[in-house]
Protein backbone atom coordinates (compact mmCIF):
# COMPACT_ATOMS: atom_id res chain seq x y z
CA MET A 1 -33.96 216.12 214.20
CA HIS A 2 -30.74 218.66 214.59
CA TYR A 3 -31.61 221.04 212.17
CA SER A 4 -28.49 220.79 209.83
CA LEU A 5 -29.40 217.34 209.27
CA LYS A 6 -32.90 218.04 208.72
CA CYS A 7 -31.63 220.47 206.14
CA GLY A 8 -29.31 218.08 204.34
CA VAL A 9 -32.06 215.49 204.29
CA ALA A 10 -34.35 218.11 202.51
CA LEU A 11 -31.67 219.39 200.03
CA CYS A 12 -30.52 215.42 199.58
CA ALA A 13 -34.71 214.48 198.62
CA LEU A 14 -34.59 218.16 196.46
CA LEU A 15 -31.97 216.45 194.38
CA VAL A 16 -32.76 213.48 194.32
CA LEU A 17 -37.35 213.82 193.38
CA LEU A 18 -36.37 217.64 191.17
CA THR A 19 -32.59 217.18 189.68
CA GLY A 20 -33.75 213.36 188.50
CA CYS A 21 -29.97 212.78 189.99
CA LYS A 22 -29.40 208.88 189.42
CA GLN A 23 -26.68 209.47 192.32
CA SER A 24 -26.39 210.18 196.23
CA VAL A 25 -25.15 214.23 197.08
CA ASN A 26 -21.95 212.85 198.95
CA ASN A 27 -20.92 210.59 194.76
CA THR A 28 -21.84 212.97 193.20
CA TRP A 29 -19.75 215.63 195.48
CA ARG A 30 -17.03 213.52 194.78
CA GLU A 31 -17.22 213.23 191.08
CA THR A 32 -17.76 216.53 190.78
CA LYS A 33 -14.46 217.25 192.64
CA GLY A 34 -12.85 214.13 189.78
CA TYR A 35 -14.68 216.58 186.84
CA TYR A 36 -13.63 219.40 187.74
CA ASN A 37 -9.55 218.73 188.45
CA THR A 38 -9.75 216.63 184.80
CA TYR A 39 -11.75 218.12 182.54
CA LEU A 40 -12.01 222.20 183.29
CA ASN A 41 -8.78 224.49 182.61
CA THR A 42 -9.21 226.44 185.56
CA PRO A 43 -7.67 229.57 186.67
CA ALA A 44 -5.37 229.30 190.14
CA GLU A 45 -7.59 230.64 191.96
CA LEU A 46 -10.63 228.48 191.21
CA LYS A 47 -10.02 224.78 193.40
CA PHE A 48 -11.51 222.41 195.35
CA SER A 49 -11.27 222.20 198.76
CA GLU A 50 -12.85 219.50 201.73
CA VAL A 51 -15.23 221.93 202.74
CA ASP A 52 -17.94 221.68 205.27
CA VAL A 53 -20.19 219.56 202.40
CA GLU A 54 -23.10 219.64 205.32
CA THR A 55 -23.08 223.50 206.05
CA ALA A 56 -23.19 224.31 202.38
CA GLU A 57 -26.12 221.95 201.43
CA GLU A 58 -27.66 223.77 204.75
CA ASN A 59 -26.97 226.79 203.29
CA LEU A 60 -28.29 226.56 200.38
CA ALA A 61 -31.20 223.76 200.99
CA VAL A 62 -32.55 227.13 203.13
CA MET A 63 -32.44 229.73 200.63
CA TYR A 64 -33.69 226.90 197.41
CA THR A 65 -36.24 224.73 199.21
CA PRO A 66 -39.68 227.58 198.85
CA ILE A 67 -38.56 228.75 195.43
CA GLY A 68 -38.38 224.68 193.89
CA GLU A 69 -41.50 223.74 196.16
CA GLU A 70 -42.99 226.57 194.26
CA LEU A 71 -41.76 225.44 190.69
CA GLU A 72 -42.69 221.32 191.38
CA LYS A 73 -45.99 221.97 192.56
CA PHE A 74 -46.67 224.93 189.09
CA VAL A 75 -44.56 221.93 186.94
CA ARG A 76 -47.62 219.17 188.06
CA VAL A 77 -50.38 222.02 186.74
CA ILE A 78 -48.71 222.60 183.70
CA ASP A 79 -47.93 218.96 182.91
CA GLY A 80 -51.49 217.80 183.09
CA LYS A 81 -52.75 220.22 180.85
CA ASP A 82 -52.51 218.39 177.52
CA VAL A 83 -56.23 219.49 176.33
CA PHE A 84 -57.32 222.34 175.33
CA PRO A 85 -57.76 224.75 178.94
CA ASP A 86 -60.63 226.45 178.76
CA LEU A 87 -60.56 230.73 180.36
CA ALA A 88 -61.13 229.64 184.08
CA TRP A 89 -58.09 226.71 184.01
CA VAL A 90 -56.11 229.98 182.88
CA ASP A 91 -57.45 232.12 185.92
CA ALA A 92 -57.12 229.55 188.14
CA THR A 93 -53.45 228.69 187.08
CA THR A 94 -52.52 232.87 187.07
CA LYS A 95 -53.90 233.18 190.75
CA ARG A 96 -52.39 230.21 192.19
CA PHE A 97 -49.13 231.23 190.84
CA PRO A 98 -48.48 235.18 190.97
CA TRP A 99 -45.54 235.36 190.06
CA LEU A 100 -46.15 234.41 186.31
CA SER A 101 -46.11 237.37 184.19
CA GLY A 102 -48.90 235.52 181.82
CA VAL A 103 -50.31 232.43 181.13
CA ALA A 104 -51.29 232.41 176.85
CA VAL A 105 -52.97 228.95 175.00
CA VAL A 106 -51.84 229.10 171.33
CA ASN A 107 -51.65 227.47 167.95
CA LEU A 108 -49.89 226.09 165.75
CA GLU A 109 -48.98 229.15 163.53
CA GLY A 110 -48.72 230.77 166.97
CA LYS A 111 -51.77 232.70 167.04
CA VAL A 112 -53.10 233.78 170.33
CA LEU A 113 -56.48 231.41 171.00
CA MET A 114 -56.52 233.20 174.59
CA GLN A 115 -54.08 235.02 177.07
CA ARG A 116 -54.11 236.19 180.14
CA PRO A 117 -53.26 239.36 181.24
CA ALA A 118 -55.08 240.58 177.96
CA VAL A 119 -51.36 242.46 177.28
CA SER A 120 -47.84 241.71 178.61
CA MET A 121 -45.48 243.52 179.51
CA LYS A 122 -43.07 242.37 177.62
CA PRO A 123 -43.90 241.90 174.09
CA LEU A 124 -45.07 237.62 173.60
CA ASN A 125 -42.48 235.07 172.20
CA VAL A 126 -43.89 231.73 171.93
CA ALA A 127 -42.07 230.88 168.47
CA PRO A 128 -39.07 229.04 169.57
CA LEU A 129 -41.01 226.63 171.25
CA LEU A 130 -43.15 225.85 168.16
CA ASP A 131 -39.41 225.21 166.26
CA GLU A 132 -39.88 222.36 164.14
CA ASN A 133 -36.13 222.36 164.28
CA LYS A 134 -35.36 221.49 168.00
CA LYS A 135 -36.46 218.16 169.24
CA TYR A 136 -38.82 218.59 171.71
CA GLY A 137 -40.71 215.75 173.28
CA PHE A 138 -43.66 214.42 171.71
CA ARG A 139 -45.84 215.00 174.82
CA LYS A 140 -43.50 217.03 176.88
CA LEU A 141 -42.83 220.48 178.38
CA ARG A 142 -40.38 222.52 176.30
CA GLY A 143 -38.74 225.74 176.83
CA TYR A 144 -36.25 228.15 176.52
CA ILE A 145 -35.51 231.97 177.98
CA ASP A 146 -36.41 234.94 176.27
CA GLU A 147 -33.82 237.96 176.69
CA THR A 148 -35.44 241.38 176.23
CA PRO A 149 -34.54 244.82 177.22
CA LEU A 150 -37.01 244.66 180.05
CA GLY A 151 -34.93 241.87 181.87
CA ASN A 152 -35.28 237.84 180.86
CA GLU A 153 -38.71 236.29 180.79
CA ALA A 154 -38.85 232.10 181.04
CA TYR A 155 -41.40 230.39 178.92
CA VAL A 156 -42.21 226.81 179.47
CA ALA A 157 -45.21 225.32 177.14
CA MET A 158 -47.40 222.22 177.24
CA PRO A 159 -48.87 221.43 174.52
CA PHE A 160 -52.54 220.31 173.71
CA PHE A 161 -54.29 217.81 172.18
CA VAL A 162 -56.91 216.38 169.84
CA ASN A 163 -58.12 213.52 168.64
CA ASN A 164 -54.75 212.52 169.78
CA GLU A 165 -53.38 215.47 167.88
CA MET A 166 -51.31 218.19 167.83
CA LYS A 167 -53.18 221.53 167.70
CA GLY A 168 -50.64 223.87 169.93
CA LEU A 169 -49.34 224.87 173.39
CA VAL A 170 -49.97 226.37 176.62
CA VAL A 171 -47.53 228.34 177.63
CA ALA A 172 -47.03 229.89 180.84
CA HIS A 173 -43.64 232.33 181.24
CA PHE A 174 -41.88 235.12 184.54
CA ASP A 175 -39.34 236.78 185.68
CA VAL A 176 -37.43 234.56 188.28
CA ARG A 177 -37.27 238.40 189.50
CA SER A 178 -40.45 237.81 190.63
CA LEU A 179 -40.23 234.03 191.57
CA VAL A 180 -36.79 234.35 193.88
CA GLU A 181 -39.49 236.49 196.63
CA LEU A 182 -39.99 233.33 197.66
CA SER A 183 -36.65 232.70 199.07
CA PRO A 184 -35.88 234.03 202.97
CA LYS A 185 -32.29 235.27 201.44
CA PRO A 186 -33.03 236.18 197.34
CA GLU A 187 -30.08 238.33 197.49
CA GLU A 188 -28.03 235.62 199.05
CA LEU A 189 -28.96 233.18 195.67
CA VAL A 190 -27.20 233.38 191.72
CA ILE A 191 -30.17 231.99 189.87
CA LEU A 192 -28.87 231.47 185.85
CA ALA A 193 -30.09 229.36 182.81
CA GLY A 194 -26.85 228.51 180.61
CA GLU A 195 -24.75 231.11 180.14
CA LYS A 196 -27.93 233.33 180.90
CA VAL A 197 -28.00 235.28 184.64
CA LEU A 198 -31.83 235.40 185.48
CA TRP A 199 -30.29 236.25 189.29
CA SER A 200 -27.37 237.69 190.43
CA GLY A 201 -28.48 238.98 194.27
CA LYS A 202 -26.16 240.49 195.86
CA TYR A 203 -23.47 239.68 193.84
CA GLN A 204 -21.16 240.79 191.16
CA PHE A 205 -21.75 238.10 189.53
CA GLU A 206 -18.76 237.68 186.93
CA SER A 207 -16.43 238.02 189.90
CA THR A 208 -17.48 234.28 190.83
CA PRO A 209 -16.66 230.68 190.00
CA PHE A 210 -19.92 230.53 188.77
CA ALA A 211 -18.66 233.00 185.46
CA GLU A 212 -15.92 230.84 184.90
CA ILE A 213 -18.02 227.39 184.48
CA ASN A 214 -18.59 225.74 181.52
CA TRP A 215 -22.34 225.00 182.37
CA GLN A 216 -23.39 223.15 178.86
CA GLN A 217 -20.28 221.07 179.70
CA MET A 218 -20.67 220.55 183.13
CA LEU A 219 -24.45 220.01 183.05
CA GLY A 220 -23.52 217.16 181.22
CA ASP A 221 -22.60 214.83 183.63
CA GLU A 222 -23.20 216.53 186.87
CA SER A 223 -26.47 218.12 188.95
CA TYR A 224 -24.62 219.45 191.84
CA GLY A 225 -21.29 220.51 192.97
CA VAL A 226 -19.06 223.28 195.72
CA VAL A 227 -16.36 225.57 194.76
CA THR A 228 -14.31 226.89 196.71
CA GLU A 229 -12.61 230.37 196.21
CA SER A 230 -10.96 233.33 198.42
CA GLY A 231 -12.52 231.86 201.45
CA ASN A 232 -16.16 231.36 200.27
CA SER A 233 -17.69 228.00 199.06
CA TYR A 234 -20.48 228.26 196.30
CA THR A 235 -22.73 225.46 196.05
CA TRP A 236 -24.73 225.16 193.40
CA LEU A 237 -27.71 222.43 191.90
CA VAL A 238 -29.00 222.71 188.59
CA ARG A 239 -33.75 221.69 188.47
CA TYR A 240 -34.44 221.05 185.10
CA LEU A 241 -37.59 223.00 183.91
CA GLY A 242 -38.80 221.75 180.70
CA ASP A 243 -35.82 221.32 178.70
CA ILE A 244 -34.22 224.89 180.32
CA PRO A 245 -31.54 223.61 183.79
CA ILE A 246 -31.53 226.00 185.92
CA VAL A 247 -28.71 226.95 188.39
CA PHE A 248 -29.15 227.61 191.68
CA GLY A 249 -26.74 228.79 193.20
CA THR A 250 -24.74 230.83 197.12
CA ALA A 251 -21.69 231.20 199.12
CA THR A 252 -20.92 230.41 202.86
CA PRO A 253 -18.76 231.46 203.99
CA GLN A 254 -15.73 229.34 204.85
CA GLU A 255 -15.39 229.96 209.13
CA THR A 256 -19.20 229.30 209.00
CA ALA A 257 -18.91 226.21 206.51
CA SER A 258 -15.88 224.73 208.93
């Protein structure tokens, strides 16, 4: 199979399996253009054009696939842990996913019952995960991004139960700067969660079209898109980690994407 076709198929599969996209990539691409043109008040230089979508997809697939595959493995591990874990499980999880900053088990008051490593480089902050005012699913993954002076930290947590009663959370947290090293060209990626930039790679984020998008509005309808500006095609997709929408994007020069 031709290389570009392989990557195109790979990205399509990732979009369907990992982001919950209910439509084909081509349909989403067409609808994304319509959404921008109809709803976003964009500057004149920000526009859609008929780029080689397969090449743009291929470029993003190459950058994203190793990260997406690792996140999927991680989600399967933590999503399946809805009972109180033992220390051997915690140690095995931190070893299996070395890009994690740590794993902790906390009760409903936020008291740490178990933690690896014993001391975190960044202060452990699980309070938002226990906020009863948030509409978390009873047995679903939950998460948030903690902004710290040492960089943004992503938290993902799974409730654990005793006799079908929630007693606390199994919490994993990481800095995207560790995860991004799985990509063959991390400098080519932009990663953000909502308005929070987790990784900007080689780009000046504020000078990219990604900075001009209202992501809350966009992600309400779309899971993938391509936008062109200044000779580059900017392709993005979203992968949900618990209830955190993590957007992965990259730029493809138009001479490459044509």
